[in-house]
Every structure is written in C-alpha cells, then in structure tokens.
C-alpha cells in the first residue's frame, strides 16, 4: 500500500510523516513524530538523547512504539528543536 504524507505543526516546528493509512497514523503518531523531529536535527539517536538529556532506551522505546511519550514532553522537545533551528545551531 502506498504511503501518504501527513503534516503537523508542533510548537512551530513543521514535521511531515508518512503512514500507510489513518489507522497506522493513529496507532504510531507519537513514534513517527519523535523520529521525524530527531531527523530534523541531523543527529543520530545517541547524539539526540545526549543533546536533550533523555536516556537512550527511553527515546528508543518511544520511537519503536513500546512506550507512549507524554504530550508535554513532545512539545518541550519540539520547542527546543525549533528554537535551536531558528538560532542557526542546527
């Protein structure tokens, strides 16, 4: 099945994710969003975790869908990435 692109704006950070269906998007939205945010930084998972101060295993579980990230954490991470991007640091 062809994937469709979905756009989100989280704290001013524009991210685009792909999913095969709306059902997949609903089930994996948080995992896909955090992966897309990390991708925007250009950092690998280990570097990203060190940069935001969250344990590697936690971010790994969020990206793989094993744990659900609290919404406020998603917003804080997106805010930081957007601020650093606007400042030209990433």
PDB file of N, CA and C in Angstrom:
ATOM      1  N   UNK A   1       0.847  -1.177   0.000  1.00  0.00           N
ATOM      2  CA  UNK A   1       0.000   0.000   0.000  1.00  0.00           C
ATOM      3  C   UNK A   1       0.892   1.239   0.000  1.00  0.00           C
ATOM      4  N   UNK A   2       0.540   2.223  -0.791  1.00  0.00           N
ATOM      5  CA  UNK A   2       1.305   3.464  -0.877  1.00  0.00           C
ATOM      6  C   UNK A   2       1.159   4.270   0.406  1.00  0.00           C
ATOM      7  N   UNK A   3       2.248   4.921   0.769  1.00  0.00           N
ATOM      8  CA  UNK A   3       2.213   5.747   1.975  1.00  0.00           C
ATOM      9  C   UNK A   3       1.759   7.154   1.623  1.00  0.00           C
ATOM     10  N   UNK A   4       1.085   7.770   2.568  1.00  0.00           N
ATOM     11  CA  UNK A   4       0.589   9.127   2.401  1.00  0.00           C
ATOM     12  C   UNK A   4       1.299  10.024   3.398  1.00  0.00           C
ATOM     13  N   UNK A   5       1.575  11.260   3.019  1.00  0.00           N
ATOM     14  CA  UNK A   5       2.246  12.208   3.897  1.00  0.00           C
ATOM     15  C   UNK A   5       1.229  12.970   4.736  1.00  0.00           C
ATOM     16  N   UNK A   6       1.564  13.154   5.993  1.00  0.00           N
ATOM     17  CA  UNK A   6       0.742  13.932   6.923  1.00  0.00           C
ATOM     18  C   UNK A   6       1.641  14.995   7.541  1.00  0.00           C
ATOM     19  N   UNK A   7       1.158  16.233   7.590  1.00  0.00           N
ATOM     20  CA  UNK A   7       1.938  17.342   8.141  1.00  0.00           C
ATOM     21  C   UNK A   7       1.396  17.743   9.512  1.00  0.00           C
ATOM     22  N   UNK A   8       2.320  18.072  10.397  1.00  0.00           N
ATOM     23  CA  UNK A   8       1.975  18.501  11.751  1.00  0.00           C
ATOM     24  C   UNK A   8       2.798  19.729  12.092  1.00  0.00           C
ATOM     25  N   UNK A   9       2.236  20.571  12.944  1.00  0.00           N
ATOM     26  CA  UNK A   9       2.945  21.720  13.481  1.00  0.00           C
ATOM     27  C   UNK A   9       2.932  21.559  14.991  1.00  0.00           C
ATOM     28  N   UNK A  10       4.104  21.327  15.534  1.00  0.00           N
ATOM     29  CA  UNK A  10       4.224  21.172  16.983  1.00  0.00           C
ATOM     30  C   UNK A  10       5.150  22.270  17.476  1.00  0.00           C
ATOM     31  N   UNK A  11       4.615  23.186  18.242  1.00  0.00           N
ATOM     32  CA  UNK A  11       5.376  24.312  18.790  1.00  0.00           C
ATOM     33  C   UNK A  11       6.132  25.077  17.699  1.00  0.00           C
ATOM     34  N   UNK A  12       5.480  25.256  16.549  1.00  0.00           N
ATOM     35  CA  UNK A  12       6.089  25.996  15.456  1.00  0.00           C
ATOM     36  C   UNK A  12       7.032  25.183  14.595  1.00  0.00           C
ATOM     37  N   UNK A  13       7.237  23.943  14.935  1.00  0.00           N
ATOM     38  CA  UNK A  13       8.116  23.060  14.167  1.00  0.00           C
ATOM     39  C   UNK A  13       7.270  22.256  13.193  1.00  0.00           C
ATOM     40  N   UNK A  14       7.511  22.460  11.907  1.00  0.00           N
ATOM     41  CA  UNK A  14       6.763  21.754  10.872  1.00  0.00           C
ATOM     42  C   UNK A  14       7.405  20.391  10.646  1.00  0.00           C
ATOM     43  N   UNK A  15       6.618  19.326  10.828  1.00  0.00           N
ATOM     44  CA  UNK A  15       7.133  17.991  10.544  1.00  0.00           C
ATOM     45  C   UNK A  15       6.181  17.276   9.602  1.00  0.00           C
ATOM     46  N   UNK A  16       6.753  16.417   8.802  1.00  0.00           N
ATOM     47  CA  UNK A  16       5.974  15.630   7.858  1.00  0.00           C
ATOM     48  C   UNK A  16       6.298  14.165   8.099  1.00  0.00           C
ATOM     49  N   UNK A  17       5.259  13.359   8.234  1.00  0.00           N
ATOM     50  CA  UNK A  17       5.461  11.933   8.435  1.00  0.00           C
ATOM     51  C   UNK A  17       4.641  11.164   7.422  1.00  0.00           C
ATOM     52  N   UNK A  18       5.067   9.939   7.161  1.00  0.00           N
ATOM     53  CA  UNK A  18       4.370   9.094   6.206  1.00  0.00           C
ATOM     54  C   UNK A  18       3.766   7.901   6.914  1.00  0.00           C
ATOM     55  N   UNK A  19       2.575   7.539   6.507  1.00  0.00           N
ATOM     56  CA  UNK A  19       1.892   6.370   7.053  1.00  0.00           C
ATOM     57  C   UNK A  19       1.055   5.750   5.942  1.00  0.00           C
ATOM     58  N   UNK A  20       0.849   4.454   6.038  1.00  0.00           N
ATOM     59  CA  UNK A  20       0.081   3.731   5.021  1.00  0.00           C
ATOM     60  C   UNK A  20      -1.411   4.029   5.092  1.00  0.00           C
ATOM     61  N   UNK A  21      -1.890   4.337   6.297  1.00  0.00           N
ATOM     62  CA  UNK A  21      -3.313   4.594   6.478  1.00  0.00           C
ATOM     63  C   UNK A  21      -3.518   5.487   7.695  1.00  0.00           C
ATOM     64  N   UNK A  22      -4.721   5.996   7.827  1.00  0.00           N
ATOM     65  CA  UNK A  22      -5.037   6.808   9.008  1.00  0.00           C
ATOM     66  C   UNK A  22      -4.986   5.967  10.277  1.00  0.00           C
ATOM     67  N   UNK A  23      -5.300   4.683  10.150  1.00  0.00           N
ATOM     68  CA  UNK A  23      -5.240   3.782  11.302  1.00  0.00           C
ATOM     69  C   UNK A  23      -3.796   3.632  11.782  1.00  0.00           C
ATOM     70  N   UNK A  24      -2.871   3.434  10.826  1.00  0.00           N
ATOM     71  CA  UNK A  24      -1.455   3.333  11.195  1.00  0.00           C
ATOM     72  C   UNK A  24      -0.994   4.638  11.822  1.00  0.00           C
ATOM     73  N   UNK A  25      -1.409   5.753  11.235  1.00  0.00           N
ATOM     74  CA  UNK A  25      -1.032   7.057  11.764  1.00  0.00           C
ATOM     75  C   UNK A  25      -1.516   7.203  13.201  1.00  0.00           C
ATOM     76  N   UNK A  26      -2.752   6.837  13.459  1.00  0.00           N
ATOM     77  CA  UNK A  26      -3.314   6.969  14.799  1.00  0.00           C
ATOM     78  C   UNK A  26      -2.552   6.094  15.802  1.00  0.00           C
ATOM     79  N   UNK A  27      -2.216   4.876  15.393  1.00  0.00           N
ATOM     80  CA  UNK A  27      -1.516   3.948  16.277  1.00  0.00           C
ATOM     81  C   UNK A  27      -0.073   4.369  16.538  1.00  0.00           C
ATOM     82  N   UNK A  28       0.589   4.942  15.528  1.00  0.00           N
ATOM     83  CA  UNK A  28       2.021   5.203  15.614  1.00  0.00           C
ATOM     84  C   UNK A  28       2.382   6.681  15.544  1.00  0.00           C
ATOM     85  N   UNK A  29       1.427   7.572  15.730  1.00  0.00           N
ATOM     86  CA  UNK A  29       1.661   9.001  15.533  1.00  0.00           C
ATOM     87  C   UNK A  29       2.802   9.535  16.385  1.00  0.00           C
ATOM     88  N   UNK A  30       2.805   9.246  17.667  1.00  0.00           N
ATOM     89  CA  UNK A  30       3.851   9.755  18.548  1.00  0.00           C
ATOM     90  C   UNK A  30       5.212   9.227  18.139  1.00  0.00           C
ATOM     91  N   UNK A  31       5.292   7.931  17.849  1.00  0.00           N
ATOM     92  CA  UNK A  31       6.560   7.328  17.439  1.00  0.00           C
ATOM     93  C   UNK A  31       7.076   7.963  16.154  1.00  0.00           C
ATOM     94  N   UNK A  32       6.190   8.164  15.200  1.00  0.00           N
ATOM     95  CA  UNK A  32       6.590   8.762  13.931  1.00  0.00           C
ATOM     96  C   UNK A  32       6.982  10.223  14.101  1.00  0.00           C
ATOM     97  N   UNK A  33       6.297  10.934  14.980  1.00  0.00           N
ATOM     98  CA  UNK A  33       6.605  12.346  15.196  1.00  0.00           C
ATOM     99  C   UNK A  33       7.968  12.532  15.855  1.00  0.00           C
ATOM    100  N   UNK A  34       8.275  11.755  16.890  1.00  0.00           N
ATOM    101  CA  UNK A  34       9.567  11.929  17.559  1.00  0.00           C
ATOM    102  C   UNK A  34      10.698  11.549  16.621  1.00  0.00           C
ATOM    103  N   UNK A  35      10.495  10.521  15.819  1.00  0.00           N
ATOM    104  CA  UNK A  35      11.522  10.134  14.841  1.00  0.00           C
ATOM    105  C   UNK A  35      11.732  11.258  13.823  1.00  0.00           C
ATOM    106  N   UNK A  36      10.643  11.878  13.369  1.00  0.00           N
ATOM    107  CA  UNK A  36      10.746  12.983  12.404  1.00  0.00           C
ATOM    108  C   UNK A  36      11.444  14.190  13.027  1.00  0.00           C
ATOM    109  N   UNK A  37      11.145  14.472  14.280  1.00  0.00           N
ATOM    110  CA  UNK A  37      11.795  15.595  14.968  1.00  0.00           C
ATOM    111  C   UNK A  37      13.287  15.319  15.093  1.00  0.00           C
ATOM    112  N   UNK A  38      13.649  14.114  15.481  1.00  0.00           N
ATOM    113  CA  UNK A  38      15.070  13.762  15.595  1.00  0.00           C
ATOM    114  C   UNK A  38      15.753  13.887  14.236  1.00  0.00           C
ATOM    115  N   UNK A  39      15.081  13.446  13.193  1.00  0.00           N
ATOM    116  CA  UNK A  39      15.639  13.537  11.849  1.00  0.00           C
ATOM    117  C   UNK A  39      15.931  14.992  11.471  1.00  0.00           C
ATOM    118  N   UNK A  40      15.064  15.924  11.861  1.00  0.00           N
ATOM    119  CA  UNK A  40      15.267  17.342  11.559  1.00  0.00           C
ATOM    120  C   UNK A  40      16.540  17.894  12.197  1.00  0.00           C
ATOM    121  N   UNK A  41      16.965  17.301  13.303  1.00  0.00           N
ATOM    122  CA  UNK A  41      18.179  17.780  13.974  1.00  0.00           C
ATOM    123  C   UNK A  41      19.439  17.317  13.262  1.00  0.00           C
ATOM    124  N   UNK A  42      19.328  16.233  12.496  1.00  0.00           N
ATOM    125  CA  UNK A  42      20.501  15.676  11.842  1.00  0.00           C
ATOM    126  C   UNK A  42      21.361  14.833  12.770  1.00  0.00           C
ATOM    127  N   UNK A  43      20.847  14.567  13.965  1.00  0.00           N
ATOM    128  CA  UNK A  43      21.591  13.787  14.950  1.00  0.00           C
ATOM    129  C   UNK A  43      21.137  12.333  14.925  1.00  0.00           C
ATOM    130  N   UNK A  44      22.053  11.423  15.217  1.00  0.00           N
ATOM    131  CA  UNK A  44      21.622  10.039  15.383  1.00  0.00           C
ATOM    132  C   UNK A  44      20.956   9.921  16.759  1.00  0.00           C
ATOM    133  N   UNK A  45      20.397   8.768  17.056  1.00  0.00           N
ATOM    134  CA  UNK A  45      19.626   8.624  18.297  1.00  0.00           C
ATOM    135  C   UNK A  45      20.492   8.869  19.530  1.00  0.00           C
ATOM    136  N   UNK A  46      21.702   8.358  19.537  1.00  0.00           N
ATOM    137  CA  UNK A  46      22.585   8.528  20.697  1.00  0.00           C
ATOM    138  C   UNK A  46      22.919  10.004  20.920  1.00  0.00           C
ATOM    139  N   UNK A  47      23.265  10.705  19.850  1.00  0.00           N
ATOM    140  CA  UNK A  47      23.573  12.133  19.954  1.00  0.00           C
ATOM    141  C   UNK A  47      22.345  12.927  20.390  1.00  0.00           C
ATOM    142  N   UNK A  48      21.200  12.597  19.811  1.00  0.00           N
ATOM    143  CA  UNK A  48      19.953  13.280  20.139  1.00  0.00           C
ATOM    144  C   UNK A  48      19.622  13.120  21.625  1.00  0.00           C
ATOM    145  N   UNK A  49      19.749  11.906  22.119  1.00  0.00           N
ATOM    146  CA  UNK A  49      19.448  11.642  23.534  1.00  0.00           C
ATOM    147  C   UNK A  49      20.355  12.443  24.450  1.00  0.00           C
ATOM    148  N   UNK A  50      21.626  12.489  24.124  1.00  0.00           N
ATOM    149  CA  UNK A  50      22.575  13.267  24.917  1.00  0.00           C
ATOM    150  C   UNK A  50      22.229  14.751  24.857  1.00  0.00           C
ATOM    151  N   UNK A  51      21.857  15.234  23.687  1.00  0.00           N
ATOM    152  CA  UNK A  51      21.540  16.641  23.483  1.00  0.00           C
ATOM    153  C   UNK A  51      20.304  17.075  24.265  1.00  0.00           C
ATOM    154  N   UNK A  52      19.267  16.219  24.315  1.00  0.00           N
ATOM    155  CA  UNK A  52      18.050  16.604  25.027  1.00  0.00           C
ATOM    156  C   UNK A  52      18.028  16.110  26.481  1.00  0.00           C
ATOM    157  N   UNK A  53      18.987  15.269  26.852  1.00  0.00           N
ATOM    158  CA  UNK A  53      19.091  14.815  28.237  1.00  0.00           C
ATOM    159  C   UNK A  53      18.073  13.750  28.630  1.00  0.00           C
ATOM    160  N   UNK A  54      17.698  12.909  27.675  1.00  0.00           N
ATOM    161  CA  UNK A  54      16.760  11.821  27.948  1.00  0.00           C
ATOM    162  C   UNK A  54      17.471  10.511  27.639  1.00  0.00           C
ATOM    163  N   UNK A  55      17.340   9.507  28.510  1.00  0.00           N
ATOM    164  CA  UNK A  55      18.046   8.246  28.285  1.00  0.00           C
ATOM    165  C   UNK A  55      17.761   7.623  26.915  1.00  0.00           C
ATOM    166  N   UNK A  56      18.789   7.028  26.348  1.00  0.00           N
ATOM    167  CA  UNK A  56      18.710   6.393  25.035  1.00  0.00           C
ATOM    168  C   UNK A  56      17.572   5.382  24.968  1.00  0.00           C
ATOM    169  N   UNK A  57      17.485   4.535  25.963  1.00  0.00           N
ATOM    170  CA  UNK A  57      16.474   3.468  25.960  1.00  0.00           C
ATOM    171  C   UNK A  57      15.058   4.054  25.938  1.00  0.00           C
ATOM    172  N   UNK A  58      14.851   5.166  26.624  1.00  0.00           N
ATOM    173  CA  UNK A  58      13.532   5.808  26.651  1.00  0.00           C
ATOM    174  C   UNK A  58      13.148   6.292  25.258  1.00  0.00           C
ATOM    175  N   UNK A  59      14.056   7.002  24.598  1.00  0.00           N
ATOM    176  CA  UNK A  59      13.773   7.512  23.255  1.00  0.00           C
ATOM    177  C   UNK A  59      13.595   6.342  22.282  1.00  0.00           C
ATOM    178  N   UNK A  60      14.407   5.314  22.436  1.00  0.00           N
ATOM    179  CA  UNK A  60      14.271   4.131  21.587  1.00  0.00           C
ATOM    180  C   UNK A  60      12.878   3.523  21.731  1.00  0.00           C
ATOM    181  N   UNK A  61      12.406   3.387  22.941  1.00  0.00           N
ATOM    182  CA  UNK A  61      11.071   2.829  23.176  1.00  0.00           C
ATOM    183  C   UNK A  61       9.981   3.731  22.606  1.00  0.00           C
ATOM    184  N   UNK A  62      10.154   5.044  22.698  1.00  0.00           N
ATOM    185  CA  UNK A  62       9.186   5.961  22.109  1.00  0.00           C
ATOM    186  C   UNK A  62       9.146   5.795  20.597  1.00  0.00           C
ATOM    187  N   UNK A  63      10.321   5.731  19.964  1.00  0.00           N
ATOM    188  CA  UNK A  63      10.383   5.621  18.512  1.00  0.00           C
ATOM    189  C   UNK A  63       9.868   4.282  18.005  1.00  0.00           C
ATOM    190  N   UNK A  64      10.039   3.235  18.783  1.00  0.00           N
ATOM    191  CA  UNK A  64       9.584   1.910  18.369  1.00  0.00           C
ATOM    192  C   UNK A  64       8.138   1.632  18.777  1.00  0.00           C
ATOM    193  N   UNK A  65       7.556   2.536  19.548  1.00  0.00           N
ATOM    194  CA  UNK A  65       6.162   2.391  19.949  1.00  0.00           C
ATOM    195  C   UNK A  65       5.939   1.531  21.175  1.00  0.00           C
ATOM    196  N   UNK A  66       7.008   1.170  21.876  1.00  0.00           N
ATOM    197  CA  UNK A  66       6.883   0.354  23.082  1.00  0.00           C
ATOM    198  C   UNK A  66       6.388   1.137  24.283  1.00  0.00           C
ATOM    199  N   UNK A  67       6.637   2.435  24.282  1.00  0.00           N
ATOM    200  CA  UNK A  67       6.175   3.326  25.355  1.00  0.00           C
ATOM    201  C   UNK A  67       5.555   4.549  24.705  1.00  0.00           C
ATOM    202  N   UNK A  68       4.642   5.159  25.416  1.00  0.00           N
ATOM    203  CA  UNK A  68       3.997   6.370  24.924  1.00  0.00           C
ATOM    204  C   UNK A  68       4.633   7.583  25.566  1.00  0.00           C
ATOM    205  N   UNK A  69       5.046   8.516  24.734  1.00  0.00           N
ATOM    206  CA  UNK A  69       5.641   9.744  25.229  1.00  0.00           C
ATOM    207  C   UNK A  69       4.537  10.685  25.707  1.00  0.00           C
ATOM    208  N   UNK A  70       4.690  11.284  26.892  1.00  0.00           N
ATOM    209  CA  UNK A  70       3.706  12.282  27.318  1.00  0.00           C
ATOM    210  C   UNK A  70       3.679  13.462  26.336  1.00  0.00           C
ATOM    211  N   UNK A  71       2.498  13.989  26.093  1.00  0.00           N
ATOM    212  CA  UNK A  71       2.358  15.097  25.142  1.00  0.00           C
ATOM    213  C   UNK A  71       3.223  16.292  25.508  1.00  0.00           C
ATOM    214  N   UNK A  72       3.324  16.606  26.804  1.00  0.00           N
ATOM    215  CA  UNK A  72       4.099  17.777  27.193  1.00  0.00           C
ATOM    216  C   UNK A  72       5.571  17.606  26.848  1.00  0.00           C
ATOM    217  N   UNK A  73       6.081  16.379  26.883  1.00  0.00           N
ATOM    218  CA  UNK A  73       7.477  16.128  26.527  1.00  0.00           C
ATOM    219  C   UNK A  73       7.673  16.355  25.032  1.00  0.00           C
ATOM    220  N   UNK A  74       6.728  15.890  24.228  1.00  0.00           N
ATOM    221  CA  UNK A  74       6.798  16.123  22.779  1.00  0.00           C
ATOM    222  C   UNK A  74       6.858  17.618  22.500  1.00  0.00           C
ATOM    223  N   UNK A  75       6.031  18.391  23.184  1.00  0.00           N
ATOM    224  CA  UNK A  75       6.000  19.832  22.966  1.00  0.00           C
ATOM    225  C   UNK A  75       7.295  20.496  23.419  1.00  0.00           C
ATOM    226  N   UNK A  76       7.860  20.048  24.528  1.00  0.00           N
ATOM    227  CA  UNK A  76       9.129  20.616  25.009  1.00  0.00           C
ATOM    228  C   UNK A  76      10.272  20.312  24.049  1.00  0.00           C
ATOM    229  N   UNK A  77      10.326  19.075  23.554  1.00  0.00           N
ATOM    230  CA  UNK A  77      11.376  18.703  22.613  1.00  0.00           C
ATOM    231  C   UNK A  77      11.225  19.490  21.321  1.00  0.00           C
ATOM    232  N   UNK A  78      10.009  19.586  20.802  1.00  0.00           N
ATOM    233  CA  UNK A  78       9.764  20.334  19.568  1.00  0.00           C
ATOM    234  C   UNK A  78      10.122  21.807  19.752  1.00  0.00           C
ATOM    235  N   UNK A  79       9.799  22.356  20.907  1.00  0.00           N
ATOM    236  CA  UNK A  79      10.126  23.753  21.198  1.00  0.00           C
ATOM    237  C   UNK A  79      11.636  23.969  21.165  1.00  0.00           C
ATOM    238  N   UNK A  80      12.374  23.066  21.815  1.00  0.00           N
ATOM    239  CA  UNK A  80      13.837  23.184  21.846  1.00  0.00           C
ATOM    240  C   UNK A  80      14.418  23.063  20.441  1.00  0.00           C
ATOM    241  N   UNK A  81      13.977  22.075  19.682  1.00  0.00           N
ATOM    242  CA  UNK A  81      14.495  21.881  18.333  1.00  0.00           C
ATOM    243  C   UNK A  81      14.192  23.103  17.473  1.00  0.00           C
ATOM    244  N   UNK A  82      12.976  23.627  17.560  1.00  0.00           N
ATOM    245  CA  UNK A  82      12.601  24.804  16.783  1.00  0.00           C
ATOM    246  C   UNK A  82      13.443  26.017  17.175  1.00  0.00           C
ATOM    247  N   UNK A  83      13.651  26.226  18.474  1.00  0.00           N
ATOM    248  CA  UNK A  83      14.447  27.361  18.936  1.00  0.00           C
ATOM    249  C   UNK A  83      15.893  27.254  18.466  1.00  0.00           C
ATOM    250  N   UNK A  84      16.460  26.059  18.545  1.00  0.00           N
ATOM    251  CA  UNK A  84      17.842  25.855  18.098  1.00  0.00           C
ATOM    252  C   UNK A  84      17.961  25.982  16.587  1.00  0.00           C
ATOM    253  N   UNK A  85      16.943  25.540  15.883  1.00  0.00           N
ATOM    254  CA  UNK A  85      16.925  25.654  14.420  1.00  0.00           C
ATOM    255  C   UNK A  85      16.854  27.128  14.010  1.00  0.00           C
ATOM    256  N   UNK A  86      15.971  27.890  14.660  1.00  0.00           N
ATOM    257  CA  UNK A  86      15.827  29.320  14.358  1.00  0.00           C
ATOM    258  C   UNK A  86      17.072  30.110  14.721  1.00  0.00           C
ATOM    259  N   UNK A  87      17.806  29.656  15.736  1.00  0.00           N
ATOM    260  CA  UNK A  87      19.034  30.330  16.145  1.00  0.00           C
ATOM    261  C   UNK A  87      20.215  29.946  15.259  1.00  0.00           C
ATOM    262  N   UNK A  88      20.002  28.978  14.370  1.00  0.00           N
ATOM    263  CA  UNK A  88      21.048  28.549  13.464  1.00  0.00           C
ATOM    264  C   UNK A  88      22.048  27.556  14.053  1.00  0.00           C
ATOM    265  N   UNK A  89      21.666  26.960  15.195  1.00  0.00           N
ATOM    266  CA  UNK A  89      22.566  25.983  15.843  1.00  0.00           C
ATOM    267  C   UNK A  89      22.438  24.595  15.260  1.00  0.00           C
ATOM    268  N   UNK A  90      21.313  24.323  14.610  1.00  0.00           N
ATOM    269  CA  UNK A  90      21.140  23.018  13.955  1.00  0.00           C
ATOM    270  C   UNK A  90      20.562  23.233  12.567  1.00  0.00           C
TER     271      UNK A  90
END
